[in-house]
């Protein structure tokens, strides 16, 4: 049974990449967050592009089927100096998003700096800071490894943070309209 907008729900976080796509599952029960599972889909450079994309799709779909998340927080593609790497990441991101769409998940897309801000409070935080804060927020014994999985868990946390902020803003708008 899928858990969704009630008191308890499951959120999938995804850090897309063609070589490594991190994923993380966070359970939200009221204001409490708990790490359920995390991992990484890895592909090899020697495989055909289509096979690599299918592996990302199929494994994210398997994660969705196993944990039944109702929503997903996914990192958007950052176009730095390496356009070809950004393009490959975008393709992997698309494969993951198709898997999420097949399971009718609500999608929240966040920039790397939005995710870092939500977890660390600094949009320019280093990877180690993100790993440390994800460990702290989720009460883990150790920092999630690999860092792609930690980034995925951070994306799930960011989804929760941004969604909560949007709810508060909507309530404030409703109150302002009632007072007008």
N, C-alpha and C. Protein backbone atom coordinates (compact mmCIF):
# COMPACT_ATOMS: atom_id res chain seq x y z
N UNK A 1 0.84 -1.19 0.00
CA UNK A 1 0.00 0.00 0.00
C UNK A 1 0.88 1.25 0.00
N UNK A 2 0.59 2.17 -0.86
CA UNK A 2 1.36 3.40 -0.98
C UNK A 2 1.01 4.34 0.17
N UNK A 3 2.04 4.91 0.77
CA UNK A 3 1.84 5.92 1.81
C UNK A 3 1.95 7.27 1.13
N UNK A 4 0.99 8.15 1.39
CA UNK A 4 1.11 9.44 0.72
C UNK A 4 0.92 10.61 1.65
N UNK A 5 -0.01 11.47 1.42
CA UNK A 5 -0.04 12.77 2.06
C UNK A 5 -0.49 12.78 3.52
N UNK A 6 -0.68 11.64 4.15
CA UNK A 6 -1.12 11.60 5.53
C UNK A 6 0.02 11.85 6.49
N UNK A 7 -0.12 11.33 7.68
CA UNK A 7 0.87 11.52 8.73
C UNK A 7 2.20 10.85 8.40
N UNK A 8 2.14 9.77 7.69
CA UNK A 8 3.36 9.02 7.40
C UNK A 8 3.48 8.84 5.89
N UNK A 9 4.67 9.06 5.38
CA UNK A 9 4.87 8.85 3.94
C UNK A 9 6.33 8.55 3.65
N UNK A 10 6.55 8.05 2.45
CA UNK A 10 7.87 7.67 2.00
C UNK A 10 8.27 8.61 0.86
N UNK A 11 9.50 9.15 0.96
CA UNK A 11 10.03 10.07 -0.05
C UNK A 11 11.28 9.44 -0.66
N UNK A 12 11.37 9.45 -1.97
CA UNK A 12 12.55 9.00 -2.70
C UNK A 12 13.38 10.21 -3.07
N UNK A 13 14.68 10.14 -2.85
CA UNK A 13 15.59 11.18 -3.30
C UNK A 13 16.49 10.60 -4.37
N UNK A 14 16.80 11.40 -5.39
CA UNK A 14 17.66 10.93 -6.48
C UNK A 14 18.73 11.96 -6.80
N UNK A 15 19.98 11.48 -6.86
CA UNK A 15 21.11 12.28 -7.33
C UNK A 15 21.53 11.66 -8.66
N UNK A 16 21.07 12.21 -9.80
CA UNK A 16 21.28 11.55 -11.08
C UNK A 16 22.71 11.67 -11.61
N UNK A 17 23.10 10.64 -12.32
CA UNK A 17 24.38 10.62 -13.01
C UNK A 17 24.43 9.39 -13.89
N UNK A 18 25.10 9.47 -15.01
CA UNK A 18 25.17 8.33 -15.91
C UNK A 18 26.05 7.22 -15.32
N UNK A 19 27.17 7.57 -14.73
CA UNK A 19 28.03 6.57 -14.11
C UNK A 19 27.50 6.12 -12.76
N UNK A 20 26.96 7.08 -11.98
CA UNK A 20 26.46 6.78 -10.63
C UNK A 20 25.20 7.60 -10.37
N UNK A 21 24.08 6.92 -10.17
CA UNK A 21 22.84 7.56 -9.77
C UNK A 21 22.56 7.13 -8.33
N UNK A 22 22.66 8.10 -7.43
CA UNK A 22 22.38 7.80 -6.03
C UNK A 22 20.88 7.84 -5.78
N UNK A 23 20.44 6.99 -4.86
CA UNK A 23 19.04 7.00 -4.45
C UNK A 23 18.96 6.84 -2.93
N UNK A 24 17.92 7.41 -2.36
CA UNK A 24 17.73 7.30 -0.92
C UNK A 24 16.25 7.34 -0.59
N UNK A 25 15.87 6.58 0.41
CA UNK A 25 14.48 6.52 0.85
C UNK A 25 14.40 7.07 2.26
N UNK A 26 13.54 8.09 2.44
CA UNK A 26 13.33 8.71 3.75
C UNK A 26 11.86 8.55 4.11
N UNK A 27 11.61 8.11 5.34
CA UNK A 27 10.26 8.02 5.85
C UNK A 27 9.99 9.25 6.71
N UNK A 28 8.88 9.92 6.44
CA UNK A 28 8.47 11.07 7.24
C UNK A 28 7.24 10.68 8.03
N UNK A 29 7.33 10.86 9.34
CA UNK A 29 6.19 10.63 10.22
C UNK A 29 6.05 11.88 11.07
N UNK A 30 5.10 12.74 10.70
CA UNK A 30 4.99 14.05 11.33
C UNK A 30 6.25 14.84 11.03
N UNK A 31 6.95 15.29 12.06
CA UNK A 31 8.19 16.04 11.85
C UNK A 31 9.43 15.14 11.94
N UNK A 32 9.22 13.87 12.22
CA UNK A 32 10.35 12.93 12.32
C UNK A 32 10.73 12.37 10.96
N UNK A 33 12.03 12.29 10.72
CA UNK A 33 12.55 11.71 9.48
C UNK A 33 13.41 10.51 9.84
N UNK A 34 13.28 9.46 9.03
CA UNK A 34 14.06 8.25 9.26
C UNK A 34 14.57 7.73 7.92
N UNK A 35 15.83 7.37 7.88
CA UNK A 35 16.41 6.76 6.68
C UNK A 35 15.97 5.31 6.62
N UNK A 36 15.34 4.93 5.52
CA UNK A 36 14.88 3.56 5.33
C UNK A 36 15.95 2.75 4.59
N UNK A 37 16.48 3.33 3.52
CA UNK A 37 17.48 2.63 2.70
C UNK A 37 18.14 3.64 1.76
N UNK A 38 19.31 3.27 1.27
CA UNK A 38 19.96 4.09 0.25
C UNK A 38 20.92 3.22 -0.53
N UNK A 39 21.31 3.72 -1.71
CA UNK A 39 22.22 2.97 -2.55
C UNK A 39 22.60 3.76 -3.78
N UNK A 40 23.18 3.07 -4.72
CA UNK A 40 23.68 3.73 -5.93
C UNK A 40 23.56 2.78 -7.11
N UNK A 41 23.05 3.29 -8.22
CA UNK A 41 23.02 2.55 -9.47
C UNK A 41 24.28 2.93 -10.21
N UNK A 42 25.13 1.94 -10.49
CA UNK A 42 26.39 2.20 -11.19
C UNK A 42 26.36 1.56 -12.56
N UNK A 43 26.88 2.28 -13.55
CA UNK A 43 27.00 1.74 -14.90
C UNK A 43 28.45 1.88 -15.34
N UNK A 44 28.81 1.11 -16.34
CA UNK A 44 30.20 1.14 -16.82
C UNK A 44 30.29 1.87 -18.16
N UNK A 45 31.40 2.54 -18.34
CA UNK A 45 31.63 3.31 -19.57
C UNK A 45 31.64 2.44 -20.82
N UNK A 46 31.98 1.18 -20.65
CA UNK A 46 32.09 0.29 -21.82
C UNK A 46 30.73 -0.20 -22.31
N UNK A 47 29.68 -0.01 -21.52
CA UNK A 47 28.34 -0.42 -21.94
C UNK A 47 27.75 0.59 -22.90
N UNK A 48 26.84 0.12 -23.73
CA UNK A 48 26.12 1.01 -24.65
C UNK A 48 25.32 2.03 -23.84
N UNK A 49 25.18 3.24 -24.36
CA UNK A 49 24.42 4.29 -23.69
C UNK A 49 23.01 3.82 -23.37
N UNK A 50 22.34 3.19 -24.33
CA UNK A 50 20.97 2.74 -24.11
C UNK A 50 20.89 1.73 -22.98
N UNK A 51 21.87 0.85 -22.86
CA UNK A 51 21.88 -0.14 -21.78
C UNK A 51 22.11 0.54 -20.43
N UNK A 52 22.96 1.55 -20.41
CA UNK A 52 23.21 2.29 -19.17
C UNK A 52 21.95 3.02 -18.70
N UNK A 53 21.26 3.66 -19.64
CA UNK A 53 20.04 4.39 -19.29
C UNK A 53 18.94 3.43 -18.84
N UNK A 54 18.86 2.27 -19.50
CA UNK A 54 17.86 1.28 -19.10
C UNK A 54 18.16 0.76 -17.69
N UNK A 55 19.42 0.59 -17.35
CA UNK A 55 19.77 0.14 -16.01
C UNK A 55 19.35 1.17 -14.96
N UNK A 56 19.59 2.45 -15.22
CA UNK A 56 19.16 3.49 -14.29
C UNK A 56 17.64 3.43 -14.14
N UNK A 57 16.93 3.39 -15.26
CA UNK A 57 15.48 3.33 -15.24
C UNK A 57 14.99 2.11 -14.45
N UNK A 58 15.48 0.95 -14.81
CA UNK A 58 14.99 -0.30 -14.21
C UNK A 58 15.29 -0.37 -12.71
N UNK A 59 16.46 0.09 -12.31
CA UNK A 59 16.80 -0.01 -10.88
C UNK A 59 16.05 1.03 -10.05
N UNK A 60 15.82 2.22 -10.59
CA UNK A 60 15.01 3.20 -9.87
C UNK A 60 13.57 2.70 -9.78
N UNK A 61 13.08 2.07 -10.84
CA UNK A 61 11.74 1.49 -10.82
C UNK A 61 11.65 0.38 -9.77
N UNK A 62 12.69 -0.44 -9.65
CA UNK A 62 12.71 -1.50 -8.64
C UNK A 62 12.71 -0.92 -7.23
N UNK A 63 13.44 0.18 -7.01
CA UNK A 63 13.43 0.85 -5.71
C UNK A 63 12.02 1.37 -5.41
N UNK A 64 11.40 1.99 -6.41
CA UNK A 64 10.04 2.52 -6.24
C UNK A 64 9.06 1.39 -5.92
N UNK A 65 9.19 0.27 -6.59
CA UNK A 65 8.29 -0.85 -6.34
C UNK A 65 8.50 -1.44 -4.96
N UNK A 66 9.73 -1.48 -4.51
CA UNK A 66 10.02 -2.06 -3.20
C UNK A 66 9.55 -1.17 -2.05
N UNK A 67 9.79 0.15 -2.14
CA UNK A 67 9.52 1.04 -1.01
C UNK A 67 8.24 1.86 -1.13
N UNK A 68 7.64 1.90 -2.32
CA UNK A 68 6.36 2.59 -2.55
C UNK A 68 6.36 4.08 -2.16
N UNK A 69 7.35 4.86 -2.60
CA UNK A 69 7.32 6.30 -2.29
C UNK A 69 6.17 6.99 -3.03
N UNK A 70 5.67 8.06 -2.42
CA UNK A 70 4.61 8.83 -3.07
C UNK A 70 5.17 10.06 -3.78
N UNK A 71 6.42 10.42 -3.45
CA UNK A 71 7.01 11.62 -4.04
C UNK A 71 8.52 11.44 -4.15
N UNK A 72 9.10 12.32 -4.96
CA UNK A 72 10.55 12.23 -5.20
C UNK A 72 11.14 13.64 -5.26
N UNK A 73 12.29 13.78 -4.63
CA UNK A 73 13.10 14.99 -4.77
C UNK A 73 14.30 14.62 -5.63
N UNK A 74 14.50 15.35 -6.70
CA UNK A 74 15.59 15.02 -7.63
C UNK A 74 16.41 16.27 -7.94
N UNK A 75 17.70 16.08 -8.02
CA UNK A 75 18.60 17.18 -8.33
C UNK A 75 18.50 17.54 -9.80
N UNK A 76 18.44 18.83 -10.09
CA UNK A 76 18.44 19.29 -11.48
C UNK A 76 19.87 19.26 -12.01
N UNK A 77 19.97 19.33 -13.32
CA UNK A 77 21.29 19.27 -13.96
C UNK A 77 21.98 20.61 -13.84
N UNK A 78 23.22 20.57 -13.43
CA UNK A 78 24.03 21.77 -13.31
C UNK A 78 24.97 21.82 -14.50
N UNK A 79 24.91 22.91 -15.26
CA UNK A 79 25.77 23.08 -16.43
C UNK A 79 27.01 23.86 -16.05
N UNK A 80 28.05 23.15 -15.65
CA UNK A 80 29.33 23.77 -15.34
C UNK A 80 30.13 23.92 -16.61
N UNK A 81 31.41 23.68 -16.50
CA UNK A 81 32.29 23.79 -17.66
C UNK A 81 32.20 22.58 -18.58
N UNK A 82 31.75 21.44 -18.06
CA UNK A 82 31.74 20.21 -18.83
C UNK A 82 30.32 19.93 -19.34
N UNK A 83 30.03 20.45 -20.53
CA UNK A 83 28.70 20.32 -21.11
C UNK A 83 28.37 18.87 -21.44
N UNK A 84 29.34 18.09 -21.90
CA UNK A 84 29.06 16.69 -22.24
C UNK A 84 28.69 15.89 -21.00
N UNK A 85 29.32 16.17 -19.86
CA UNK A 85 28.97 15.49 -18.61
C UNK A 85 27.57 15.90 -18.17
N UNK A 86 27.23 17.17 -18.34
CA UNK A 86 25.90 17.65 -17.98
C UNK A 86 24.84 16.99 -18.86
N UNK A 87 25.15 16.81 -20.13
CA UNK A 87 24.22 16.16 -21.05
C UNK A 87 23.98 14.71 -20.64
N UNK A 88 25.05 14.00 -20.30
CA UNK A 88 24.93 12.60 -19.86
C UNK A 88 24.12 12.51 -18.57
N UNK A 89 24.36 13.43 -17.65
CA UNK A 89 23.61 13.47 -16.40
C UNK A 89 22.13 13.71 -16.69
N UNK A 90 21.85 14.60 -17.64
CA UNK A 90 20.47 14.88 -18.01
C UNK A 90 19.76 13.66 -18.57
N UNK A 91 20.49 12.86 -19.33
CA UNK A 91 19.90 11.65 -19.88
C UNK A 91 19.57 10.66 -18.76
N UNK A 92 20.48 10.50 -17.80
CA UNK A 92 20.24 9.60 -16.67
C UNK A 92 19.08 10.12 -15.83
N UNK A 93 19.03 11.43 -15.67
CA UNK A 93 17.95 12.06 -14.91
C UNK A 93 16.61 11.77 -15.59
N UNK A 94 16.58 11.86 -16.91
CA UNK A 94 15.36 11.56 -17.66
C UNK A 94 14.92 10.11 -17.48
N UNK A 95 15.87 9.18 -17.50
CA UNK A 95 15.54 7.77 -17.29
C UNK A 95 14.94 7.55 -15.91
N UNK A 96 15.51 8.22 -14.90
CA UNK A 96 15.00 8.10 -13.53
C UNK A 96 13.61 8.73 -13.42
N UNK A 97 13.41 9.88 -14.06
CA UNK A 97 12.11 10.55 -14.00
C UNK A 97 11.01 9.73 -14.68
N UNK A 98 11.34 9.03 -15.76
CA UNK A 98 10.35 8.16 -16.40
C UNK A 98 9.93 7.05 -15.45
N UNK A 99 10.89 6.48 -14.73
CA UNK A 99 10.57 5.44 -13.74
C UNK A 99 9.63 6.01 -12.67
N UNK A 100 9.90 7.22 -12.20
CA UNK A 100 9.06 7.86 -11.19
C UNK A 100 7.66 8.15 -11.74
N UNK A 101 7.59 8.58 -12.99
CA UNK A 101 6.30 8.87 -13.62
C UNK A 101 5.47 7.60 -13.74
N UNK A 102 6.11 6.48 -13.99
CA UNK A 102 5.38 5.21 -14.09
C UNK A 102 4.70 4.85 -12.78
N UNK A 103 5.19 5.36 -11.68
CA UNK A 103 4.61 5.08 -10.36
C UNK A 103 3.86 6.30 -9.80
N UNK A 104 3.57 7.25 -10.68
CA UNK A 104 2.74 8.42 -10.36
C UNK A 104 3.23 9.21 -9.16
N UNK A 105 4.53 9.36 -9.02
CA UNK A 105 5.09 10.13 -7.91
C UNK A 105 5.03 11.62 -8.20
N UNK A 106 4.78 12.39 -7.16
CA UNK A 106 4.89 13.84 -7.26
C UNK A 106 6.39 14.15 -7.28
N UNK A 107 6.81 15.08 -8.14
CA UNK A 107 8.22 15.36 -8.33
C UNK A 107 8.56 16.78 -7.89
N UNK A 108 9.63 16.89 -7.11
CA UNK A 108 10.20 18.18 -6.75
C UNK A 108 11.61 18.23 -7.32
N UNK A 109 11.90 19.24 -8.12
CA UNK A 109 13.22 19.38 -8.74
C UNK A 109 13.96 20.52 -8.07
N UNK A 110 15.21 20.25 -7.67
CA UNK A 110 15.98 21.23 -6.90
C UNK A 110 17.40 21.35 -7.44
N UNK A 111 17.91 22.57 -7.41
CA UNK A 111 19.30 22.80 -7.81
C UNK A 111 20.22 22.26 -6.72
N UNK A 112 21.47 22.00 -7.07
CA UNK A 112 22.42 21.56 -6.03
C UNK A 112 22.50 22.54 -4.86
N UNK A 113 22.45 23.85 -5.16
CA UNK A 113 22.54 24.83 -4.07
C UNK A 113 21.28 24.84 -3.20
N UNK A 114 20.10 24.60 -3.78
CA UNK A 114 18.88 24.50 -2.97
C UNK A 114 18.96 23.31 -2.02
N UNK A 115 19.47 22.20 -2.50
CA UNK A 115 19.59 21.00 -1.67
C UNK A 115 20.58 21.25 -0.54
N UNK A 116 21.73 21.83 -0.87
CA UNK A 116 22.72 22.13 0.16
C UNK A 116 22.17 23.11 1.19
N UNK A 117 21.43 24.11 0.74
CA UNK A 117 20.84 25.09 1.64
C UNK A 117 19.84 24.42 2.58
N UNK A 118 19.03 23.51 2.06
CA UNK A 118 18.01 22.84 2.87
C UNK A 118 18.63 21.95 3.94
N UNK A 119 19.78 21.35 3.64
CA UNK A 119 20.39 20.39 4.55
C UNK A 119 21.45 21.02 5.44
N UNK A 120 22.29 21.87 4.87
CA UNK A 120 23.42 22.44 5.60
C UNK A 120 23.16 23.88 6.03
N UNK A 121 22.32 24.60 5.26
CA UNK A 121 22.11 26.01 5.54
C UNK A 121 23.07 26.89 4.78
N UNK A 122 23.79 26.28 3.84
CA UNK A 122 24.78 26.99 3.02
C UNK A 122 24.73 26.38 1.62
N UNK A 123 24.33 27.17 0.63
CA UNK A 123 24.22 26.69 -0.74
C UNK A 123 25.54 26.34 -1.40
N UNK A 124 26.65 26.71 -0.76
CA UNK A 124 27.98 26.38 -1.31
C UNK A 124 28.70 25.34 -0.47
N UNK A 125 27.96 24.57 0.32
CA UNK A 125 28.56 23.58 1.23
C UNK A 125 29.35 22.53 0.46
N UNK A 126 30.35 21.99 1.10
CA UNK A 126 31.17 20.91 0.54
C UNK A 126 30.43 19.58 0.72
N UNK A 127 30.81 18.57 -0.09
CA UNK A 127 30.18 17.25 -0.01
C UNK A 127 30.26 16.65 1.39
N UNK A 128 31.38 16.84 2.06
CA UNK A 128 31.56 16.27 3.40
C UNK A 128 30.56 16.89 4.38
N UNK A 129 30.28 18.19 4.22
CA UNK A 129 29.30 18.86 5.08
C UNK A 129 27.90 18.28 4.85
N UNK A 130 27.57 18.03 3.59
CA UNK A 130 26.26 17.45 3.26
C UNK A 130 26.16 16.07 3.88
N UNK A 131 27.19 15.25 3.71
CA UNK A 131 27.18 13.91 4.28
C UNK A 131 27.01 13.96 5.80
N UNK A 132 27.73 14.86 6.45
CA UNK A 132 27.66 14.98 7.91
C UNK A 132 26.25 15.37 8.35
N UNK A 133 25.66 16.37 7.69
CA UNK A 133 24.34 16.84 8.09
C UNK A 133 23.25 15.81 7.79
N UNK A 134 23.37 15.09 6.68
CA UNK A 134 22.41 14.02 6.38
C UNK A 134 22.49 12.96 7.49
N UNK A 135 23.71 12.62 7.89
CA UNK A 135 23.90 11.66 8.99
C UNK A 135 23.21 12.17 10.25
N UNK A 136 23.42 13.44 10.56
CA UNK A 136 22.87 14.04 11.77
C UNK A 136 21.33 14.13 11.72
N UNK A 137 20.80 14.64 10.63
CA UNK A 137 19.35 14.82 10.48
C UNK A 137 18.62 13.49 10.55
N UNK A 138 19.20 12.46 9.94
CA UNK A 138 18.53 11.15 9.89
C UNK A 138 18.94 10.22 11.03
N UNK A 139 19.84 10.69 11.90
CA UNK A 139 20.26 9.89 13.05
C UNK A 139 21.00 8.62 12.69
N UNK A 140 21.82 8.70 11.65
CA UNK A 140 22.58 7.52 11.20
C UNK A 140 23.86 7.36 12.02
N UNK A 141 24.34 6.15 12.14
CA UNK A 141 25.58 5.88 12.87
C UNK A 141 26.81 6.39 12.12
N UNK A 142 26.72 6.43 10.80
CA UNK A 142 27.84 6.89 9.97
C UNK A 142 27.29 7.69 8.80
N UNK A 143 28.16 8.46 8.19
CA UNK A 143 27.76 9.23 7.01
C UNK A 143 27.42 8.26 5.88
N UNK A 144 26.35 8.53 5.14
CA UNK A 144 25.98 7.65 4.02
C UNK A 144 27.10 7.61 2.98
N UNK A 145 27.37 6.44 2.49
CA UNK A 145 28.43 6.23 1.53
C UNK A 145 27.88 5.30 0.45
N UNK A 146 28.07 5.57 -0.83
CA UNK A 146 28.89 6.63 -1.40
C UNK A 146 28.21 8.00 -1.29
N UNK A 147 28.97 9.03 -1.63
CA UNK A 147 28.44 10.40 -1.52
C UNK A 147 27.23 10.62 -2.43
N UNK A 148 27.09 9.85 -3.50
CA UNK A 148 25.91 9.98 -4.37
C UNK A 148 24.64 9.60 -3.59
N UNK A 149 24.74 8.61 -2.73
CA UNK A 149 23.59 8.21 -1.90
C UNK A 149 23.29 9.29 -0.87
N UNK A 150 24.33 9.88 -0.29
CA UNK A 150 24.12 10.97 0.67
C UNK A 150 23.43 12.15 -0.02
N UNK A 151 23.84 12.46 -1.24
CA UNK A 151 23.21 13.55 -2.00
C UNK A 151 21.74 13.23 -2.31
N UNK A 152 21.46 11.95 -2.57
CA UNK A 152 20.08 11.54 -2.83
C UNK A 152 19.22 11.70 -1.58
N UNK A 153 19.74 11.29 -0.43
CA UNK A 153 19.02 11.48 0.83
C UNK A 153 18.80 12.96 1.09
N UNK A 154 19.80 13.78 0.76
CA UNK A 154 19.67 15.23 0.92
C UNK A 154 18.56 15.77 0.01
N UNK A 155 18.43 15.23 -1.19
CA UNK A 155 17.36 15.66 -2.11
C UNK A 155 15.99 15.32 -1.53
N UNK A 156 15.87 14.16 -0.87
CA UNK A 156 14.60 13.79 -0.22
C UNK A 156 14.29 14.76 0.92
N UNK A 157 15.30 15.09 1.72
CA UNK A 157 15.13 16.05 2.82
C UNK A 157 14.73 17.41 2.26
N UNK A 158 15.35 17.81 1.17
CA UNK A 158 15.02 19.09 0.53
C UNK A 158 13.57 19.11 0.08
N UNK A 159 13.09 18.01 -0.47
CA UNK A 159 11.68 17.92 -0.89
C UNK A 159 10.77 18.24 0.29
N UNK A 160 11.06 17.61 1.43
CA UNK A 160 10.25 17.81 2.63
C UNK A 160 10.32 19.27 3.09
N UNK A 161 11.52 19.84 3.11
CA UNK A 161 11.72 21.22 3.55
C UNK A 161 10.98 22.20 2.65
N UNK A 162 11.12 22.05 1.34
CA UNK A 162 10.48 22.97 0.40
C UNK A 162 8.97 22.81 0.41
N UNK A 163 8.49 21.59 0.54
CA UNK A 163 7.06 21.36 0.58
C UNK A 163 6.46 22.00 1.84
N UNK A 164 7.14 21.87 2.96
CA UNK A 164 6.68 22.48 4.21
C UNK A 164 6.63 23.99 4.10
N UNK A 165 7.66 24.58 3.49
CA UNK A 165 7.70 26.03 3.30
C UNK A 165 6.54 26.47 2.40
N UNK A 166 6.25 25.71 1.36
CA UNK A 166 5.15 26.07 0.45
C UNK A 166 3.81 26.03 1.18
N UNK A 167 3.63 25.03 2.08
CA UNK A 167 2.39 24.95 2.85
C UNK A 167 2.22 26.16 3.77
N UNK A 168 3.30 26.55 4.42
CA UNK A 168 3.25 27.71 5.32
C UNK A 168 2.91 28.97 4.52
N UNK A 169 3.55 29.15 3.36
CA UNK A 169 3.28 30.32 2.53
C UNK A 169 1.82 30.34 2.07
N UNK A 170 1.28 29.17 1.73
CA UNK A 170 -0.12 29.11 1.29
C UNK A 170 -1.05 29.48 2.44
N UNK A 171 -0.75 29.00 3.64
CA UNK A 171 -1.58 29.35 4.81
C UNK A 171 -1.53 30.86 5.07
N UNK A 172 -0.34 31.44 4.95
CA UNK A 172 -0.20 32.89 5.16
C UNK A 172 -0.99 33.68 4.12
N UNK A 173 -0.95 33.22 2.87
CA UNK A 173 -1.72 33.88 1.82
C UNK A 173 -3.22 33.78 2.10
N UNK A 174 -3.66 32.62 2.57
CA UNK A 174 -5.07 32.40 2.88
C UNK A 174 -5.49 33.32 4.03
N UNK A 175 -4.67 33.41 5.07
CA UNK A 175 -4.97 34.29 6.20
C UNK A 175 -5.03 35.76 5.76
N UNK A 176 -4.09 36.16 4.92
CA UNK A 176 -4.07 37.54 4.43
C UNK A 176 -5.32 37.84 3.61
N UNK A 177 -5.75 36.87 2.79
CA UNK A 177 -6.96 37.06 1.98
C UNK A 177 -8.20 37.15 2.87
N UNK A 178 -8.24 36.38 3.93
CA UNK A 178 -9.39 36.41 4.85
C UNK A 178 -9.45 37.73 5.62
N UNK A 179 -8.29 38.31 5.90
CA UNK A 179 -8.23 39.56 6.65
C UNK A 179 -8.47 40.79 5.79
N UNK A 180 -8.37 40.60 4.47
CA UNK A 180 -8.55 41.73 3.55
C UNK A 180 -9.99 42.12 3.36
